[in-house]
C-alpha atoms as a PDB file:
ATOM      1  CA  MET A   1      11.451   2.894   8.736  1.00  0.00           C
ATOM      2  CA  ASN A   2       9.699   5.299   6.533  1.00  0.00           C
ATOM      3  CA  GLU A   3       8.030   5.670   3.293  1.00  0.00           C
ATOM      4  CA  TYR A   4       9.979   7.932   1.267  1.00  0.00           C
ATOM      5  CA  GLY A   5      13.741   6.707   1.339  1.00  0.00           C
ATOM      6  CA  PRO A   6      15.527   5.382  -1.871  1.00  0.00           C
ATOM      7  CA  ILE A   7      14.139   1.757  -2.306  1.00  0.00           C
ATOM      8  CA  LYS A   8      16.990  -1.013  -2.041  1.00  0.00           C
ATOM      9  CA  SER A   9      14.751  -3.910  -1.796  1.00  0.00           C
ATOM     10  CA  ILE A  10      10.925  -4.330  -2.880  1.00  0.00           C
ATOM     11  CA  ALA A  11       8.585  -7.533  -3.398  1.00  0.00           C
ATOM     12  CA  ILE A  12       5.935  -7.394  -6.400  1.00  0.00           C
ATOM     13  CA  ARG A  13       3.746  -9.885  -7.852  1.00  0.00           C
ATOM     14  CA  PRO A  14       3.511  -9.081 -11.549  1.00  0.00           C
ATOM     15  CA  ALA A  15       0.146  -9.065 -13.071  1.00  0.00           C
ATOM     16  CA  ALA A  16       0.986 -12.464 -15.072  1.00  0.00           C
ATOM     17  CA  GLN A  17       1.501 -14.144 -11.550  1.00  0.00           C
ATOM     18  CA  ALA A  18      -1.553 -12.410  -9.832  1.00  0.00           C
ATOM     19  CA  PHE A  19      -4.350 -12.525 -12.607  1.00  0.00           C
ATOM     20  CA  VAL A  20      -3.315 -15.944 -14.097  1.00  0.00           C
ATOM     21  CA  SER A  21      -5.683 -15.849 -16.918  1.00  0.00           C
ATOM     22  CA  GLN A  22      -8.911 -13.976 -18.288  1.00  0.00           C
ATOM     23  CA  LYS A  23     -10.937 -16.886 -17.024  1.00  0.00           C
ATOM     24  CA  LEU A  24     -10.048 -16.224 -13.237  1.00  0.00           C
ATOM     25  CA  ILE A  25     -10.347 -12.709 -13.741  1.00  0.00           C
ATOM     26  CA  ASP A  26     -13.762 -13.595 -15.221  1.00  0.00           C
ATOM     27  CA  ASP A  27     -14.746 -15.811 -12.073  1.00  0.00           C
ATOM     28  CA  GLN A  28     -13.611 -13.549  -9.282  1.00  0.00           C
ATOM     29  CA  TRP A  29     -13.922  -9.876 -10.374  1.00  0.00           C
ATOM     30  CA  GLN A  30     -17.328  -9.132  -9.240  1.00  0.00           C
ATOM     31  CA  ALA A  31     -17.145 -10.953  -5.743  1.00  0.00           C
ATOM     32  CA  LEU A  32     -13.921  -9.173  -4.850  1.00  0.00           C
ATOM     33  CA  ASN A  33     -15.995  -5.949  -5.591  1.00  0.00           C
ATOM     34  CA  TYR A  34     -13.908  -4.690  -8.736  1.00  0.00           C
ATOM     35  CA  HIS A  35     -15.428  -1.752 -10.212  1.00  0.00           C
ATOM     36  CA  ALA A  36     -14.840  -3.241 -13.637  1.00  0.00           C
ATOM     37  CA  ARG A  37     -13.804  -6.703 -15.757  1.00  0.00           C
ATOM     38  CA  PRO A  38      -9.995  -6.084 -15.991  1.00  0.00           C
ATOM     39  CA  ASP A  39      -8.192  -7.233 -19.290  1.00  0.00           C
ATOM     40  CA  PHE A  40      -5.685  -9.719 -18.472  1.00  0.00           C
ATOM     41  CA  GLU A  41      -3.517  -8.663 -21.828  1.00  0.00           C
ATOM     42  CA  LEU A  42      -3.657  -5.259 -20.895  1.00  0.00           C
ATOM     43  CA  ALA A  43      -3.049  -5.571 -17.219  1.00  0.00           C
ATOM     44  CA  GLN A  44       0.303  -7.410 -18.318  1.00  0.00           C
ATOM     45  CA  LYS A  45       1.474  -4.876 -20.563  1.00  0.00           C
ATOM     46  CA  GLU A  46       0.482  -2.098 -18.029  1.00  0.00           C
ATOM     47  CA  TYR A  47       2.553  -4.072 -15.277  1.00  0.00           C
ATOM     48  CA  LYS A  48       5.397  -4.372 -17.557  1.00  0.00           C
ATOM     49  CA  VAL A  49       5.792  -0.452 -17.828  1.00  0.00           C
ATOM     50  CA  PHE A  50       5.106  -0.480 -13.600  1.00  0.00           C
ATOM     51  CA  ALA A  51       7.920  -2.866 -13.207  1.00  0.00           C
ATOM     52  CA  GLN A  52      10.170  -0.602 -15.356  1.00  0.00           C
ATOM     53  CA  LEU A  53       9.849   2.401 -13.260  1.00  0.00           C
ATOM     54  CA  LEU A  54      10.410   0.565 -10.175  1.00  0.00           C
ATOM     55  CA  GLY A  55      13.610  -0.670 -12.009  1.00  0.00           C
ATOM     56  CA  LEU A  56      14.862   3.558 -11.853  1.00  0.00           C
ATOM     57  CA  THR A  57      15.519   2.730  -8.376  1.00  0.00           C
ATOM     58  CA  GLY A  58      18.320   0.452  -8.987  1.00  0.00           C
ATOM     59  CA  GLY A  59      17.071  -1.731  -6.165  1.00  0.00           C
ATOM     60  CA  GLU A  60      16.522  -5.555  -5.576  1.00  0.00           C
ATOM     61  CA  VAL A  61      13.124  -6.425  -7.076  1.00  0.00           C
ATOM     62  CA  ILE A  62      11.681  -9.745  -5.845  1.00  0.00           C
ATOM     63  CA  GLU A  63       8.852 -11.074  -7.951  1.00  0.00           C
ATOM     64  CA  LEU A  64       6.460 -13.219  -5.864  1.00  0.00           C
ATOM     65  CA  ALA A  65       5.053 -16.366  -7.800  1.00  0.00           C
ATOM     66  CA  GLY A  66       1.510 -17.069  -8.311  1.00  0.00           C
ATOM     67  CA  HIS A  67      -0.305 -19.224  -6.081  1.00  0.00           C
ATOM     68  CA  LYS A  68      -3.504 -21.256  -6.478  1.00  0.00           C
ATOM     69  CA  ALA A  69      -4.713 -20.077  -3.339  1.00  0.00           C
ATOM     70  CA  LEU A  70      -4.480 -16.643  -4.077  1.00  0.00           C
ATOM     71  CA  SER A  71      -7.302 -14.246  -5.503  1.00  0.00           C
ATOM     72  CA  LEU A  72      -6.981 -11.453  -7.806  1.00  0.00           C
ATOM     73  CA  ASP A  73      -6.333  -9.069  -5.025  1.00  0.00           C
ATOM     74  CA  GLY A  74      -2.839 -10.939  -4.485  1.00  0.00           C
ATOM     75  CA  ILE A  75      -1.297  -8.219  -7.002  1.00  0.00           C
ATOM     76  CA  TYR A  76      -1.662  -5.691  -3.826  1.00  0.00           C
ATOM     77  CA  VAL A  77       1.093  -7.223  -2.156  1.00  0.00           C
ATOM     78  CA  ARG A  78       1.594  -4.269   0.435  1.00  0.00           C
ATOM     79  CA  ASP A  79      -1.621  -5.365   2.676  1.00  0.00           C
ATOM     80  CA  SER A  80      -0.253  -8.904   3.567  1.00  0.00           C
ATOM     81  CA  LEU A  81       3.213  -8.357   5.272  1.00  0.00           C
ATOM     82  CA  ILE A  82       4.300  -5.759   7.765  1.00  0.00           C
ATOM     83  CA  VAL A  83       7.644  -4.380   7.654  1.00  0.00           C
ATOM     84  CA  SER A  84       9.785  -3.577  10.981  1.00  0.00           C
ATOM     85  CA  PRO A  85      13.166  -2.954  12.554  1.00  0.00           C
ATOM     86  CA  GLN A  86      13.406  -6.736  13.427  1.00  0.00           C
ATOM     87  CA  GLY A  87      11.942  -8.395  10.106  1.00  0.00           C
ATOM     88  CA  ILE A  88       8.487  -8.896   8.424  1.00  0.00           C
ATOM     89  CA  ILE A  89       5.549  -9.615  10.369  1.00  0.00           C
ATOM     90  CA  LYS A  90       2.756 -11.677   8.886  1.00  0.00           C
ATOM     91  CA  ALA A  91      -0.695  -9.570   8.751  1.00  0.00           C
ATOM     92  CA  SER A  92      -4.198 -10.498   9.364  1.00  0.00           C
ATOM     93  CA  MET A  93      -6.316  -9.577   6.568  1.00  0.00           C
ATOM     94  CA  GLY A  94      -9.693  -7.699   6.965  1.00  0.00           C
ATOM     95  CA  LYS A  95     -10.947  -8.962   3.665  1.00  0.00           C
ATOM     96  CA  ALA A  96     -11.438 -12.830   4.080  1.00  0.00           C
ATOM     97  CA  GLU A  97     -10.796 -13.593   0.394  1.00  0.00           C
ATOM     98  CA  ARG A  98      -7.589 -12.644   0.944  1.00  0.00           C
ATOM     99  CA  CYS A  99      -6.736 -14.519   4.172  1.00  0.00           C
ATOM    100  CA  GLN A 100      -4.027 -16.906   2.630  1.00  0.00           C
ATOM    101  CA  GLU A 101      -1.862 -14.247   1.499  1.00  0.00           C
ATOM    102  CA  PRO A 102       0.201 -13.639   4.712  1.00  0.00           C
ATOM    103  CA  ALA A 103       1.479 -16.965   4.802  1.00  0.00           C
ATOM    104  CA  ILE A 104       2.108 -17.272   1.138  1.00  0.00           C
ATOM    105  CA  ASN A 105       3.822 -14.008   0.862  1.00  0.00           C
ATOM    106  CA  ALA A 106       6.188 -14.403   3.955  1.00  0.00           C
ATOM    107  CA  GLY A 107       6.796 -17.996   2.991  1.00  0.00           C
ATOM    108  CA  GLU A 108       8.434 -16.830  -0.480  1.00  0.00           C
ATOM    109  CA  LEU A 109      10.322 -14.005   1.521  1.00  0.00           C
ATOM    110  CA  ALA A 110      11.515 -16.360   4.066  1.00  0.00           C
ATOM    111  CA  ALA A 111      13.279 -18.380   1.233  1.00  0.00           C
ATOM    112  CA  HIS A 112      14.658 -15.010  -0.006  1.00  0.00           C
ATOM    113  CA  GLY A 113      16.483 -14.731   3.621  1.00  0.00           C
ATOM    114  CA  LEU A 114      14.458 -12.268   5.121  1.00  0.00           C
ATOM    115  CA  ASN A 115      13.697 -12.636   8.922  1.00  0.00           C
ATOM    116  CA  ILE A 116       9.801 -13.514   9.702  1.00  0.00           C
ATOM    117  CA  ILE A 117       9.229 -12.689  13.483  1.00  0.00           C
ATOM    118  CA  GLY A 118       5.645 -12.842  13.849  1.00  0.00           C
ATOM    119  CA  GLU A 119       2.199 -12.743  13.253  1.00  0.00           C
ATOM    120  CA  ILE A 120      -1.249 -11.086  13.749  1.00  0.00           C
ATOM    121  CA  GLN A 121      -3.542 -13.723  15.015  1.00  0.00           C
ATOM    122  CA  THR A 122      -7.669 -13.624  14.575  1.00  0.00           C
ATOM    123  CA  PRO A 123      -9.694 -11.943  15.919  1.00  0.00           C
ATOM    124  CA  GLY A 124      -6.955  -9.234  15.606  1.00  0.00           C
ATOM    125  CA  LYS A 125      -7.127  -7.589  12.285  1.00  0.00           C
ATOM    126  CA  VAL A 126      -4.387  -5.447  10.419  1.00  0.00           C
ATOM    127  CA  GLU A 127      -3.428  -4.485   6.727  1.00  0.00           C
ATOM    128  CA  GLY A 128      -0.215  -3.121   5.550  1.00  0.00           C
ATOM    129  CA  GLY A 129      -2.383  -0.371   3.767  1.00  0.00           C
ATOM    130  CA  ASP A 130      -3.387   1.028   6.946  1.00  0.00           C
ATOM    131  CA  LEU A 131       0.174   1.487   8.626  1.00  0.00           C
ATOM    132  CA  VAL A 132       2.714   4.174   7.700  1.00  0.00           C
ATOM    133  CA  TRP A 133       6.066   4.810   9.289  1.00  0.00           C
ATOM    134  CA  LEU A 134       7.115   8.251  10.380  1.00  0.00           C
ATOM    135  CA  ASP A 135      10.370   7.080  11.977  1.00  0.00           C
ATOM    136  CA  GLU A 136      11.927   4.073  13.229  1.00  0.00           C
ATOM    137  CA  HIS A 137      10.123   4.812  16.610  1.00  0.00           C
ATOM    138  CA  THR A 138       6.745   6.054  15.378  1.00  0.00           C
ATOM    139  CA  LEU A 139       4.223   3.957  13.256  1.00  0.00           C
ATOM    140  CA  LEU A 140       0.787   5.323  12.192  1.00  0.00           C
ATOM    141  CA  ALA A 141      -1.908   2.933  12.011  1.00  0.00           C
ATOM    142  CA  ALA A 142      -5.733   3.371  10.929  1.00  0.00           C
ATOM    143  CA  ILE A 143      -8.340   1.663  12.877  1.00  0.00           C
ATOM    144  CA  GLY A 144     -11.238   0.878  10.458  1.00  0.00           C
ATOM    145  CA  TYR A 145     -12.893  -2.061   8.581  1.00  0.00           C
ATOM    146  CA  ARG A 146      -9.559  -3.626   7.425  1.00  0.00           C
ATOM    147  CA  THR A 147      -7.573  -2.993  10.846  1.00  0.00           C
ATOM    148  CA  ASN A 148      -8.957  -3.337  14.339  1.00  0.00           C
ATOM    149  CA  GLN A 149      -7.808  -2.538  17.844  1.00  0.00           C
ATOM    150  CA  GLU A 150      -7.103  -6.333  18.789  1.00  0.00           C
ATOM    151  CA  GLY A 151      -4.719  -6.295  15.683  1.00  0.00           C
ATOM    152  CA  LEU A 152      -2.853  -3.095  16.796  1.00  0.00           C
ATOM    153  CA  LYS A 153      -2.277  -4.366  20.554  1.00  0.00           C
ATOM    154  CA  GLN A 154      -0.849  -7.653  19.249  1.00  0.00           C
ATOM    155  CA  LEU A 155       1.290  -5.377  16.608  1.00  0.00           C
ATOM    156  CA  ALA A 156       2.565  -3.304  19.530  1.00  0.00           C
ATOM    157  CA  ALA A 157       3.544  -6.140  21.437  1.00  0.00           C
ATOM    158  CA  ILE A 158       5.309  -7.752  18.779  1.00  0.00           C
ATOM    159  CA  LEU A 159       7.151  -4.135  17.899  1.00  0.00           C
ATOM    160  CA  GLY A 160       8.066  -3.769  21.566  1.00  0.00           C
ATOM    161  CA  ASP A 161       8.649  -0.662  23.497  1.00  0.00           C
ATOM    162  CA  GLU A 162      11.109   1.152  20.828  1.00  0.00           C
ATOM    163  CA  VAL A 163       8.050   1.522  18.768  1.00  0.00           C
ATOM    164  CA  GLU A 164       5.106   3.812  19.393  1.00  0.00           C
ATOM    165  CA  VAL A 165       1.968   2.595  17.530  1.00  0.00           C
ATOM    166  CA  LEU A 166      -0.320   5.499  17.384  1.00  0.00           C
ATOM    167  CA  GLY A 167      -3.881   4.562  16.204  1.00  0.00           C
ATOM    168  CA  PHE A 168      -6.480   6.871  14.463  1.00  0.00           C
ATOM    169  CA  ASP A 169     -10.159   6.028  13.759  1.00  0.00           C
ATOM    170  CA  MET A 170     -10.955   6.291  10.179  1.00  0.00           C
ATOM    171  CA  PRO A 171     -14.581   7.388   8.753  1.00  0.00           C
ATOM    172  CA  HIS A 172     -17.217   5.007   7.508  1.00  0.00           C
ATOM    173  CA  TYR A 173     -16.717   6.394   4.135  1.00  0.00           C
ATOM    174  CA  LYS A 174     -18.247   3.484   1.731  1.00  0.00           C
ATOM    175  CA  GLY A 175     -18.638   0.898   4.158  1.00  0.00           C
ATOM    176  CA  ALA A 176     -16.947  -2.624   4.920  1.00  0.00           C
ATOM    177  CA  GLY A 177     -16.792  -3.510   1.568  1.00  0.00           C
ATOM    178  CA  ASP A 178     -14.718  -0.717   0.016  1.00  0.00           C
ATOM    179  CA  VAL A 179     -10.910  -0.616   0.022  1.00  0.00           C
ATOM    180  CA  PHE A 180     -10.215   2.113   2.431  1.00  0.00           C
ATOM    181  CA  HIS A 181      -7.070   2.392   4.097  1.00  0.00           C
ATOM    182  CA  LEU A 182      -4.758   4.917   5.650  1.00  0.00           C
ATOM    183  CA  MET A 183      -2.895   5.229   2.730  1.00  0.00           C
ATOM    184  CA  SER A 184      -6.036   5.932   0.534  1.00  0.00           C
ATOM    185  CA  VAL A 185      -5.458   9.658   2.071  1.00  0.00           C
ATOM    186  CA  LEU A 186      -1.743  10.161   3.039  1.00  0.00           C
ATOM    187  CA  SER A 187       1.076   9.418   1.056  1.00  0.00           C
ATOM    188  CA  PRO A 188       4.323  10.627   2.327  1.00  0.00           C
ATOM    189  CA  VAL A 189       6.971  11.593  -0.353  1.00  0.00           C
ATOM    190  CA  ASP A 190       9.851  13.201   1.608  1.00  0.00           C
ATOM    191  CA  GLU A 191      10.736  13.666   5.434  1.00  0.00           C
ATOM    192  CA  LYS A 192       7.954  16.317   5.979  1.00  0.00           C
ATOM    193  CA  LEU A 193       5.808  16.356   2.697  1.00  0.00           C
ATOM    194  CA  ALA A 194       3.023  14.119   2.271  1.00  0.00           C
ATOM    195  CA  VAL A 195       0.017  14.228  -0.528  1.00  0.00           C
ATOM    196  CA  VAL A 196      -3.267  14.075   1.617  1.00  0.00           C
ATOM    197  CA  TYR A 197      -6.783  14.055   0.892  1.00  0.00           C
ATOM    198  CA  LEU A 198      -7.766  16.105   4.045  1.00  0.00           C
ATOM    199  CA  PRO A 199     -11.974  15.613   4.151  1.00  0.00           C
ATOM    200  CA  LEU A 200     -11.165  11.701   4.595  1.00  0.00           C
ATOM    201  CA  MET A 201      -8.389  12.221   7.252  1.00  0.00           C
ATOM    202  CA  PRO A 202      -8.776  11.774  11.271  1.00  0.00           C
ATOM    203  CA  VAL A 203      -8.436  15.278  13.098  1.00  0.00           C
ATOM    204  CA  ARG A 204      -6.199  13.945  15.412  1.00  0.00           C
ATOM    205  CA  LEU A 205      -3.718  12.609  12.878  1.00  0.00           C
ATOM    206  CA  VAL A 206      -3.721  16.181  10.755  1.00  0.00           C
ATOM    207  CA  GLN A 207      -2.977  18.018  14.104  1.00  0.00           C
ATOM    208  CA  LEU A 208      -0.079  15.428  14.696  1.00  0.00           C
ATOM    209  CA  LEU A 209       1.331  15.872  11.167  1.00  0.00           C
ATOM    210  CA  GLU A 210       1.348  19.741  11.395  1.00  0.00           C
ATOM    211  CA  ALA A 211       2.394  19.771  14.615  1.00  0.00           C
ATOM    212  CA  ARG A 212       5.650  17.626  13.186  1.00  0.00           C
ATOM    213  CA  GLY A 213       6.162  20.412  10.421  1.00  0.00           C
ATOM    214  CA  PHE A 214       4.622  18.574   7.716  1.00  0.00           C
ATOM    215  CA  GLU A 215       3.743  20.400   4.380  1.00  0.00           C
ATOM    216  CA  PHE A 216       0.618  18.807   2.547  1.00  0.00           C
ATOM    217  CA  ILE A 217      -0.058  18.624  -1.154  1.00  0.00           C
ATOM    218  CA  HIS A 218      -3.594  18.756  -1.121  1.00  0.00           C
ATOM    219  CA  VAL A 219      -5.472  16.099  -3.663  1.00  0.00           C
ATOM    220  CA  PRO A 220      -8.758  18.005  -5.011  1.00  0.00           C
ATOM    221  CA  ASP A 221     -11.906  16.194  -4.496  1.00  0.00           C
ATOM    222  CA  GLU A 222     -12.564  15.292  -8.383  1.00  0.00           C
ATOM    223  CA  GLU A 223      -9.157  13.528  -7.909  1.00  0.00           C
ATOM    224  CA  PHE A 224      -9.786  11.356  -4.749  1.00  0.00           C
ATOM    225  CA  GLU A 225     -11.673   8.384  -6.528  1.00  0.00           C
ATOM    226  CA  SER A 226      -9.092   8.277  -9.253  1.00  0.00           C
ATOM    227  CA  MET A 227      -6.391   7.308  -6.838  1.00  0.00           C
ATOM    228  CA  GLY A 228      -4.711  10.771  -6.869  1.00  0.00           C
ATOM    229  CA  CYS A 229      -3.596  10.050  -3.349  1.00  0.00           C
ATOM    230  CA  ASN A 230      -2.108   6.765  -3.910  1.00  0.00           C
ATOM    231  CA  VAL A 231       1.395   7.943  -4.541  1.00  0.00           C
ATOM    232  CA  LEU A 232       4.141   5.674  -4.364  1.00  0.00           C
ATOM    233  CA  ALA A 233       7.868   7.408  -3.479  1.00  0.00           C
ATOM    234  CA  ILE A 234      10.861   5.398  -4.751  1.00  0.00           C
ATOM    235  CA  SER A 235      13.056   8.001  -3.461  1.00  0.00           C
ATOM    236  CA  PRO A 236      12.899  11.586  -1.391  1.00  0.00           C
ATOM    237  CA  ARG A 237      10.558  13.554  -3.835  1.00  0.00           C
ATOM    238  CA  HIS A 238      10.413  11.184  -6.763  1.00  0.00           C
ATOM    239  CA  VAL A 239       7.039   9.383  -7.256  1.00  0.00           C
ATOM    240  CA  ILE A 240       4.968   7.066  -9.201  1.00  0.00           C
ATOM    241  CA  MET A 241       1.383   8.034  -9.562  1.00  0.00           C
ATOM    242  CA  VAL A 242      -1.682   6.815 -11.554  1.00  0.00           C
ATOM    243  CA  ALA A 243      -2.245   8.908 -14.652  1.00  0.00           C
ATOM    244  CA  GLY A 244      -5.449  10.944 -14.895  1.00  0.00           C
ATOM    245  CA  ASN A 245      -4.720  13.272 -11.795  1.00  0.00           C
ATOM    246  CA  PRO A 246      -3.491  16.285 -13.363  1.00  0.00           C
ATOM    247  CA  VAL A 247      -4.077  18.463 -10.754  1.00  0.00           C
ATOM    248  CA  THR A 248      -2.465  16.577  -8.055  1.00  0.00           C
ATOM    249  CA  GLU A 249       0.241  15.889 -10.539  1.00  0.00           C
ATOM    250  CA  GLN A 250       1.001  19.463 -10.945  1.00  0.00           C
ATOM    251  CA  ARG A 251       0.781  20.189  -7.573  1.00  0.00           C
ATOM    252  CA  ILE A 252       3.292  17.576  -6.816  1.00  0.00           C
ATOM    253  CA  LYS A 253       5.712  18.635  -9.295  1.00  0.00           C
ATOM    254  CA  ALA A 254       5.328  22.343  -7.519  1.00  0.00           C
ATOM    255  CA  ALA A 255       6.375  21.079  -4.309  1.00  0.00           C
ATOM    256  CA  GLY A 256       9.945  19.860  -6.169  1.00  0.00           C
ATOM    257  CA  CYS A 257       9.126  16.385  -6.981  1.00  0.00           C
ATOM    258  CA  LYS A 258       9.783  14.360  -9.906  1.00  0.00           C
ATOM    259  CA  VAL A 259       6.517  12.411 -11.062  1.00  0.00           C
ATOM    260  CA  GLU A 260       6.345   9.051 -13.317  1.00  0.00           C
ATOM    261  CA  VAL A 261       2.756   8.947 -14.382  1.00  0.00           C
ATOM    262  CA  LEU A 262       1.836   5.452 -15.007  1.00  0.00           C
ATOM    263  CA  LYS A 263      -1.428   4.454 -16.925  1.00  0.00           C
ATOM    264  CA  ALA A 264      -3.236   1.716 -14.658  1.00  0.00           C
ATOM    265  CA  ASP A 265      -6.732   1.149 -15.410  1.00  0.00           C
ATOM    266  CA  GLU A 266      -6.664  -2.578 -15.243  1.00  0.00           C
ATOM    267  CA  ILE A 267      -3.997  -2.875 -12.415  1.00  0.00           C
ATOM    268  CA  SER A 268      -4.960  -0.085 -10.150  1.00  0.00           C
ATOM    269  CA  ARG A 269      -8.413   1.688 -10.860  1.00  0.00           C
ATOM    270  CA  LYS A 270     -10.716  -1.628 -11.192  1.00  0.00           C
ATOM    271  CA  GLY A 271      -9.453  -3.015  -8.138  1.00  0.00           C
ATOM    272  CA  GLU A 272      -8.674   0.111  -6.086  1.00  0.00           C
ATOM    273  CA  GLY A 273      -5.165  -0.425  -5.584  1.00  0.00           C
ATOM    274  CA  GLY A 274      -2.546   1.900  -6.726  1.00  0.00           C
ATOM    275  CA  PRO A 275       1.240   2.068  -6.762  1.00  0.00           C
ATOM    276  CA  THR A 276       1.734   1.824  -3.044  1.00  0.00           C
ATOM    277  CA  CYS A 277      -0.830  -1.408  -2.970  1.00  0.00           C
ATOM    278  CA  LEU A 278       1.185  -3.029  -5.793  1.00  0.00           C
ATOM    279  CA  THR A 279       4.171  -3.053  -3.795  1.00  0.00           C
ATOM    280  CA  ARG A 280       5.992  -4.235  -0.707  1.00  0.00           C
ATOM    281  CA  PRO A 281       8.779  -1.953   0.229  1.00  0.00           C
ATOM    282  CA  LEU A 282      11.284  -4.037   2.175  1.00  0.00           C
ATOM    283  CA  ILE A 283      14.678  -1.889   2.467  1.00  0.00           C
ATOM    284  CA  ARG A 284      14.501   1.872   2.162  1.00  0.00           C
ATOM    285  CA  GLY A 285      18.090   4.164   2.345  1.00  0.00           C
END
């Protein structure tokens, strides 16, 4: 239960299955609050490179199928499922257009032999991007527009006494329509090292991480909107990040990390879902 160990098994939904066609993109992108219209052909090319980078792990890559009940946001598979020591928990989405994702994605993973142990039920809300495992006994959780206290209460009950769920209030920032998760501002890349954007982090969370001996790699203001903080560790100090964040990239390298840079205008920037959002790591070493 961490966010940085070597990936042994991971679930993804490639752009071809998530976006389906240019027509579906054209029909949905504005209603889903994308910044701009993704290009279907370019998205597939970007995703092919991303999948190749994930292949560097040598782990199992489970490709989830497309489904007519899913929106374009189905490409961001992290949010719909919660990984726990006992198995998979179905999330409850804070974005109404994504309400079908947990059941669909959990059903596919169950067919692959994964154990589904529970689900968050409305009015509870929890999205996977709002959760960060520090260790097998400590789960950090954001409380904001995508995850609420009722959802975390249910999650804590499912996880049991062995796991402490620590909730932190997130700022309003751009409001309910924006994609703003805990992992928008915090990406662990090793046991005591994290990429962070401090201006939008809860003070108590910063203090907790500092007390635990964390070192921070700081994302500058000008690279937060371009997803400089959304960094996926595929193993300790080996990360994938979105291209166009040179200061953050150099700071990550200076901290002793190997960096894979991904051009992701179509699959990440336009829908505000970076490498962490595009994946649901299932087993880490």
